[in-house]
PDB file of N, CA and C in Angstrom:
ATOM      1  N   MET A   1      75.591 167.709  97.837  1.00  0.00           N
ATOM      2  CA  MET A   1      74.654 166.723  98.346  1.00  0.00           C
ATOM      3  C   MET A   1      75.177 166.129  99.658  1.00  0.00           C
ATOM      4  N   TYR A   2      76.472 165.855  99.682  1.00  0.00           N
ATOM      5  CA  TYR A   2      77.074 165.270 100.882  1.00  0.00           C
ATOM      6  C   TYR A   2      76.925 166.203 102.078  1.00  0.00           C
ATOM      7  N   LYS A   3      77.087 167.511 101.855  1.00  0.00           N
ATOM      8  CA  LYS A   3      76.973 168.481 102.939  1.00  0.00           C
ATOM      9  C   LYS A   3      75.539 168.576 103.459  1.00  0.00           C
ATOM     10  N   ILE A   4      74.585 168.466 102.586  1.00  0.00           N
ATOM     11  CA  ILE A   4      73.178 168.517 102.991  1.00  0.00           C
ATOM     12  C   ILE A   4      72.837 167.300 103.841  1.00  0.00           C
ATOM     13  N   VAL A   5      73.289 166.142 103.437  1.00  0.00           N
ATOM     14  CA  VAL A   5      73.040 164.914 104.202  1.00  0.00           C
ATOM     15  C   VAL A   5      73.718 165.004 105.559  1.00  0.00           C
ATOM     16  N   LEU A   6      74.940 165.514 105.573  1.00  0.00           N
ATOM     17  CA  LEU A   6      75.677 165.668 106.825  1.00  0.00           C
ATOM     18  C   LEU A   6      74.967 166.662 107.747  1.00  0.00           C
ATOM     19  N   ALA A   7      74.464 167.757 107.213  1.00  0.00           N
ATOM     20  CA  ALA A   7      73.742 168.757 108.014  1.00  0.00           C
ATOM     21  C   ALA A   7      72.439 168.167 108.568  1.00  0.00           C
ATOM     22  N   LEU A   8      71.726 167.435 107.751  1.00  0.00           N
ATOM     23  CA  LEU A   8      70.481 166.802 108.208  1.00  0.00           C
ATOM     24  C   LEU A   8      70.757 165.758 109.297  1.00  0.00           C
ATOM     25  N   ALA A   9      71.836 165.024 109.166  1.00  0.00           N
ATOM     26  CA  ALA A   9      72.204 164.027 110.176  1.00  0.00           C
ATOM     27  C   ALA A   9      72.571 164.710 111.487  1.00  0.00           C
ATOM     28  N   ALA A  10      73.259 165.842 111.406  1.00  0.00           N
ATOM     29  CA  ALA A  10      73.623 166.581 112.617  1.00  0.00           C
ATOM     30  C   ALA A  10      72.385 167.124 113.307  1.00  0.00           C
ATOM     31  N   ILE A  11      71.456 167.644 112.542  1.00  0.00           N
ATOM     32  CA  ILE A  11      70.206 168.168 113.113  1.00  0.00           C
ATOM     33  C   ILE A  11      69.394 167.030 113.737  1.00  0.00           C
ATOM     34  N   ALA A  12      69.332 165.905 113.100  1.00  0.00           N
ATOM     35  CA  ALA A  12      68.573 164.770 113.614  1.00  0.00           C
ATOM     36  C   ALA A  12      69.188 164.243 114.903  1.00  0.00           C
ATOM     37  N   SER A  13      70.491 164.188 114.975  1.00  0.00           N
ATOM     38  CA  SER A  13      71.125 163.675 116.189  1.00  0.00           C
ATOM     39  C   SER A  13      70.996 164.690 117.327  1.00  0.00           C
ATOM     40  N   ALA A  14      71.011 165.976 117.019  1.00  0.00           N
ATOM     41  CA  ALA A  14      70.861 167.005 118.056  1.00  0.00           C
ATOM     42  C   ALA A  14      69.443 167.011 118.609  1.00  0.00           C
ATOM     43  N   SER A  15      68.474 166.726 117.765  1.00  0.00           N
ATOM     44  CA  SER A  15      67.087 166.733 118.226  1.00  0.00           C
ATOM     45  C   SER A  15      66.801 165.552 119.158  1.00  0.00           C
ATOM     46  N   ALA A  16      67.634 164.549 119.132  1.00  0.00           N
ATOM     47  CA  ALA A  16      67.452 163.417 120.040  1.00  0.00           C
ATOM     48  C   ALA A  16      67.722 163.821 121.477  1.00  0.00           C
ATOM     49  N   PHE A  17      68.543 164.852 121.674  1.00  0.00           N
ATOM     50  CA  PHE A  17      68.879 165.312 123.021  1.00  0.00           C
ATOM     51  C   PHE A  17      68.036 166.499 123.475  1.00  0.00           C
ATOM     52  N   ALA A  18      67.159 166.971 122.636  1.00  0.00           N
ATOM     53  CA  ALA A  18      66.303 168.102 122.996  1.00  0.00           C
ATOM     54  C   ALA A  18      65.230 167.619 123.979  1.00  0.00           C
ATOM     55  N   PRO A  19      64.873 168.455 124.963  1.00  0.00           N
ATOM     56  CA  PRO A  19      63.850 168.031 125.918  1.00  0.00           C
ATOM     57  C   PRO A  19      62.482 167.920 125.266  1.00  0.00           C
ATOM     58  N   ALA A  20      61.737 166.968 125.733  1.00  0.00           N
ATOM     59  CA  ALA A  20      60.402 166.754 125.192  1.00  0.00           C
ATOM     60  C   ALA A  20      59.471 167.852 125.704  1.00  0.00           C
ATOM     61  N   PRO A  21      58.545 168.276 124.894  1.00  0.00           N
ATOM     62  CA  PRO A  21      57.611 169.305 125.354  1.00  0.00           C
ATOM     63  C   PRO A  21      56.724 168.762 126.483  1.00  0.00           C
ATOM     64  N   ARG A  22      56.487 169.620 127.463  1.00  0.00           N
ATOM     65  CA  ARG A  22      55.670 169.202 128.611  1.00  0.00           C
ATOM     66  C   ARG A  22      54.205 169.522 128.359  1.00  0.00           C
ATOM     67  N   GLN A  23      53.385 168.624 128.793  1.00  0.00           N
ATOM     68  CA  GLN A  23      51.958 168.869 128.695  1.00  0.00           C
ATOM     69  C   GLN A  23      51.530 169.648 129.927  1.00  0.00           C
ATOM     70  N   SER A  24      50.687 170.612 129.720  1.00  0.00           N
ATOM     71  CA  SER A  24      50.217 171.382 130.866  1.00  0.00           C
ATOM     72  C   SER A  24      48.992 170.691 131.451  1.00  0.00           C
ATOM     73  N   VAL A  25      49.224 170.037 132.572  1.00  0.00           N
ATOM     74  CA  VAL A  25      48.151 169.321 133.246  1.00  0.00           C
ATOM     75  C   VAL A  25      48.020 169.918 134.628  1.00  0.00           C
ATOM     76  N   ALA A  26      46.818 170.315 134.946  1.00  0.00           N
ATOM     77  CA  ALA A  26      46.584 170.891 136.272  1.00  0.00           C
ATOM     78  C   ALA A  26      46.398 169.746 137.258  1.00  0.00           C
ATOM     79  N   ARG A  27      47.341 169.645 138.176  1.00  0.00           N
ATOM     80  CA  ARG A  27      47.261 168.602 139.196  1.00  0.00           C
ATOM     81  C   ARG A  27      47.130 169.283 140.546  1.00  0.00           C
ATOM     82  N   THR A  28      45.995 169.135 141.135  1.00  0.00           N
ATOM     83  CA  THR A  28      45.784 169.716 142.455  1.00  0.00           C
ATOM     84  C   THR A  28      45.510 168.605 143.442  1.00  0.00           C
ATOM     85  N   VAL A  29      46.081 168.762 144.597  1.00  0.00           N
ATOM     86  CA  VAL A  29      45.895 167.782 145.649  1.00  0.00           C
ATOM     87  C   VAL A  29      45.273 168.502 146.833  1.00  0.00           C
ATOM     88  N   VAL A  30      44.179 167.967 147.293  1.00  0.00           N
ATOM     89  CA  VAL A  30      43.520 168.561 148.447  1.00  0.00           C
ATOM     90  C   VAL A  30      43.931 167.740 149.662  1.00  0.00           C
ATOM     91  N   ARG A  31      44.597 168.423 150.582  1.00  0.00           N
ATOM     92  CA  ARG A  31      45.055 167.745 151.785  1.00  0.00           C
ATOM     93  C   ARG A  31      44.354 168.343 152.986  1.00  0.00           C
ATOM     94  N   ALA A  32      43.956 167.493 153.865  1.00  0.00           N
ATOM     95  CA  ALA A  32      43.325 167.963 155.092  1.00  0.00           C
ATOM     96  C   ALA A  32      44.405 168.441 156.049  1.00  0.00           C
ATOM     97  N   GLU A  33      44.189 169.603 156.620  1.00  0.00           N
ATOM     98  CA  GLU A  33      45.156 170.140 157.571  1.00  0.00           C
ATOM     99  C   GLU A  33      44.998 169.405 158.894  1.00  0.00           C
ATOM    100  N   PRO A  34      46.103 168.943 159.465  1.00  0.00           N
ATOM    101  CA  PRO A  34      46.001 168.218 160.730  1.00  0.00           C
ATOM    102  C   PRO A  34      45.482 169.129 161.836  1.00  0.00           C
ATOM    103  N   ASP A  35      44.858 168.522 162.802  1.00  0.00           N
ATOM    104  CA  ASP A  35      44.294 169.271 163.916  1.00  0.00           C
ATOM    105  C   ASP A  35      45.382 169.498 164.955  1.00  0.00           C
ATOM    106  N   TYR A  36      46.115 170.599 164.778  1.00  0.00           N
ATOM    107  CA  TYR A  36      47.230 170.900 165.668  1.00  0.00           C
ATOM    108  C   TYR A  36      46.762 171.258 167.074  1.00  0.00           C
ATOM    109  N   ASP A  37      45.613 171.884 167.183  1.00  0.00           N
ATOM    110  CA  ASP A  37      45.124 172.285 168.503  1.00  0.00           C
ATOM    111  C   ASP A  37      44.870 171.066 169.390  1.00  0.00           C
ATOM    112  N   ALA A  38      44.269 170.027 168.823  1.00  0.00           N
ATOM    113  CA  ALA A  38      43.997 168.817 169.603  1.00  0.00           C
ATOM    114  C   ALA A  38      45.307 168.146 170.022  1.00  0.00           C
ATOM    115  N   LYS A  39      46.270 168.092 169.108  1.00  0.00           N
ATOM    116  CA  LYS A  39      47.560 167.480 169.438  1.00  0.00           C
ATOM    117  C   LYS A  39      48.282 168.296 170.508  1.00  0.00           C
ATOM    118  N   PHE A  40      48.226 169.623 170.377  1.00  0.00           N
ATOM    119  CA  PHE A  40      48.879 170.486 171.356  1.00  0.00           C
ATOM    120  C   PHE A  40      48.233 170.329 172.729  1.00  0.00           C
ATOM    121  N   ASP A  41      46.901 170.273 172.761  1.00  0.00           N
ATOM    122  CA  ASP A  41      46.209 170.105 174.045  1.00  0.00           C
ATOM    123  C   ASP A  41      46.561 168.767 174.694  1.00  0.00           C
ATOM    124  N   LYS A  42      46.663 167.724 173.880  1.00  0.00           N
ATOM    125  CA  LYS A  42      47.010 166.402 174.402  1.00  0.00           C
ATOM    126  C   LYS A  42      48.424 166.417 174.994  1.00  0.00           C
ATOM    127  N   LEU A  43      49.372 167.002 174.267  1.00  0.00           N
ATOM    128  CA  LEU A  43      50.746 167.078 174.761  1.00  0.00           C
ATOM    129  C   LEU A  43      50.840 167.930 176.021  1.00  0.00           C
ATOM    130  N   LYS A  44      50.081 169.004 176.052  1.00  0.00           N
ATOM    131  CA  LYS A  44      50.084 169.879 177.221  1.00  0.00           C
ATOM    132  C   LYS A  44      49.549 169.141 178.448  1.00  0.00           C
ATOM    133  N   LYS A  45      48.489 168.379 178.255  1.00  0.00           N
ATOM    134  CA  LYS A  45      47.902 167.612 179.359  1.00  0.00           C
ATOM    135  C   LYS A  45      48.893 166.570 179.874  1.00  0.00           C
ATOM    136  N   GLU A  46      49.557 165.869 178.960  1.00  0.00           N
ATOM    137  CA  GLU A  46      50.537 164.859 179.362  1.00  0.00           C
ATOM    138  C   GLU A  46      51.699 165.495 180.119  1.00  0.00           C
ATOM    139  N   ALA A  47      52.149 166.655 179.658  1.00  0.00           N
ATOM    140  CA  ALA A  47      53.263 167.337 180.319  1.00  0.00           C
ATOM    141  C   ALA A  47      52.860 167.797 181.717  1.00  0.00           C
ATOM    142  N   GLU A  48      51.645 168.295 181.864  1.00  0.00           N
ATOM    143  CA  GLU A  48      51.174 168.732 183.177  1.00  0.00           C
ATOM    144  C   GLU A  48      51.060 167.552 184.144  1.00  0.00           C
ATOM    145  N   GLU A  49      50.613 166.405 183.632  1.00  0.00           N
ATOM    146  CA  GLU A  49      50.514 165.213 184.479  1.00  0.00           C
ATOM    147  C   GLU A  49      51.893 164.761 184.942  1.00  0.00           C
ATOM    148  N   ARG A  50      52.860 164.768 184.027  1.00  0.00           N
ATOM    149  CA  ARG A  50      54.226 164.379 184.412  1.00  0.00           C
ATOM    150  C   ARG A  50      54.804 165.363 185.421  1.00  0.00           C
ATOM    151  N   LEU A  51      54.526 166.640 185.238  1.00  0.00           N
ATOM    152  CA  LEU A  51      55.007 167.652 186.166  1.00  0.00           C
ATOM    153  C   LEU A  51      54.384 167.465 187.545  1.00  0.00           C
ATOM    154  N   ASP A  52      53.094 167.204 187.583  1.00  0.00           N
ATOM    155  CA  ASP A  52      52.422 166.976 188.869  1.00  0.00           C
ATOM    156  C   ASP A  52      52.996 165.755 189.581  1.00  0.00           C
ATOM    157  N   ASP A  53      53.269 164.691 188.823  1.00  0.00           N
ATOM    158  CA  ASP A  53      53.858 163.486 189.416  1.00  0.00           C
ATOM    159  C   ASP A  53      55.249 163.784 189.980  1.00  0.00           C
ATOM    160  N   LYS A  54      56.029 164.554 189.259  1.00  0.00           N
ATOM    161  CA  LYS A  54      57.383 164.884 189.704  1.00  0.00           C
ATOM    162  C   LYS A  54      57.342 165.769 190.948  1.00  0.00           C
ATOM    163  N   VAL A  55      56.425 166.727 190.986  1.00  0.00           N
ATOM    164  CA  VAL A  55      56.288 167.597 192.163  1.00  0.00           C
ATOM    165  C   VAL A  55      55.882 166.773 193.375  1.00  0.00           C
ATOM    166  N   GLU A  56      54.960 165.841 193.176  1.00  0.00           N
ATOM    167  CA  GLU A  56      54.527 164.976 194.273  1.00  0.00           C
ATOM    168  C   GLU A  56      55.691 164.132 194.790  1.00  0.00           C
ATOM    169  N   GLU A  57      56.496 163.599 193.873  1.00  0.00           N
ATOM    170  CA  GLU A  57      57.655 162.802 194.265  1.00  0.00           C
ATOM    171  C   GLU A  57      58.656 163.642 195.056  1.00  0.00           C
ATOM    172  N   LEU A  58      58.906 164.859 194.589  1.00  0.00           N
ATOM    173  CA  LEU A  58      59.857 165.721 195.278  1.00  0.00           C
ATOM    174  C   LEU A  58      59.332 166.169 196.643  1.00  0.00           C
ATOM    175  N   MET A  59      58.047 166.388 196.753  1.00  0.00           N
ATOM    176  CA  MET A  59      57.467 166.790 198.043  1.00  0.00           C
ATOM    177  C   MET A  59      57.597 165.651 199.069  1.00  0.00           C
ATOM    178  N   LYS A  60      57.491 164.403 198.611  1.00  0.00           N
ATOM    179  CA  LYS A  60      57.651 163.261 199.519  1.00  0.00           C
ATOM    180  C   LYS A  60      59.102 163.160 199.990  1.00  0.00           C
ATOM    181  N   ASN A  61      60.039 163.503 199.128  1.00  0.00           N
ATOM    182  CA  ASN A  61      61.464 163.383 199.458  1.00  0.00           C
ATOM    183  C   ASN A  61      62.001 164.592 200.222  1.00  0.00           C
ATOM    184  N   ILE A  62      61.233 165.654 200.324  1.00  0.00           N
ATOM    185  CA  ILE A  62      61.711 166.887 200.950  1.00  0.00           C
ATOM    186  C   ILE A  62      62.041 166.683 202.425  1.00  0.00           C
ATOM    187  N   GLU A  63      61.294 165.834 203.094  1.00  0.00           N
ATOM    188  CA  GLU A  63      61.492 165.616 204.528  1.00  0.00           C
ATOM    189  C   GLU A  63      62.710 164.752 204.809  1.00  0.00           C
ATOM    190  N   THR A  64      63.052 163.884 203.877  1.00  0.00           N
ATOM    191  CA  THR A  64      64.159 162.972 204.113  1.00  0.00           C
ATOM    192  C   THR A  64      65.494 163.556 203.702  1.00  0.00           C
ATOM    193  N   VAL A  65      65.508 164.615 202.953  1.00  0.00           N
ATOM    194  CA  VAL A  65      66.763 165.206 202.476  1.00  0.00           C
ATOM    195  C   VAL A  65      67.445 165.953 203.623  1.00  0.00           C
ATOM    196  N   GLY A  66      68.710 165.679 203.825  1.00  0.00           N
ATOM    197  CA  GLY A  66      69.504 166.378 204.826  1.00  0.00           C
ATOM    198  C   GLY A  66      69.391 165.826 206.234  1.00  0.00           C
ATOM    199  N   GLN A  67      68.668 164.763 206.461  1.00  0.00           N
ATOM    200  CA  GLN A  67      68.523 164.207 207.795  1.00  0.00           C
ATOM    201  C   GLN A  67      69.481 163.085 208.057  1.00  0.00           C
ATOM    202  N   GLU A  68      70.368 162.840 207.195  1.00  0.00           N
ATOM    203  CA  GLU A  68      71.288 161.709 207.394  1.00  0.00           C
ATOM    204  C   GLU A  68      72.440 162.067 208.269  1.00  0.00           C
TER     205      GLU A  68
END
């Protein structure tokens, strides 16, 4: 009788550490894809504007370089 009680106690304590069964729940998330083309076009436009400004600045300084 003592061995049966001891075996049942061991099984009960081991089952406390067993992982709980998972429920199968379908979870789907619908995410909108960002508009990369619009962002890319905006960045491209900004980069071209900065480049044009830099070229204009350098063209103004071209005449003054080396005349000192």
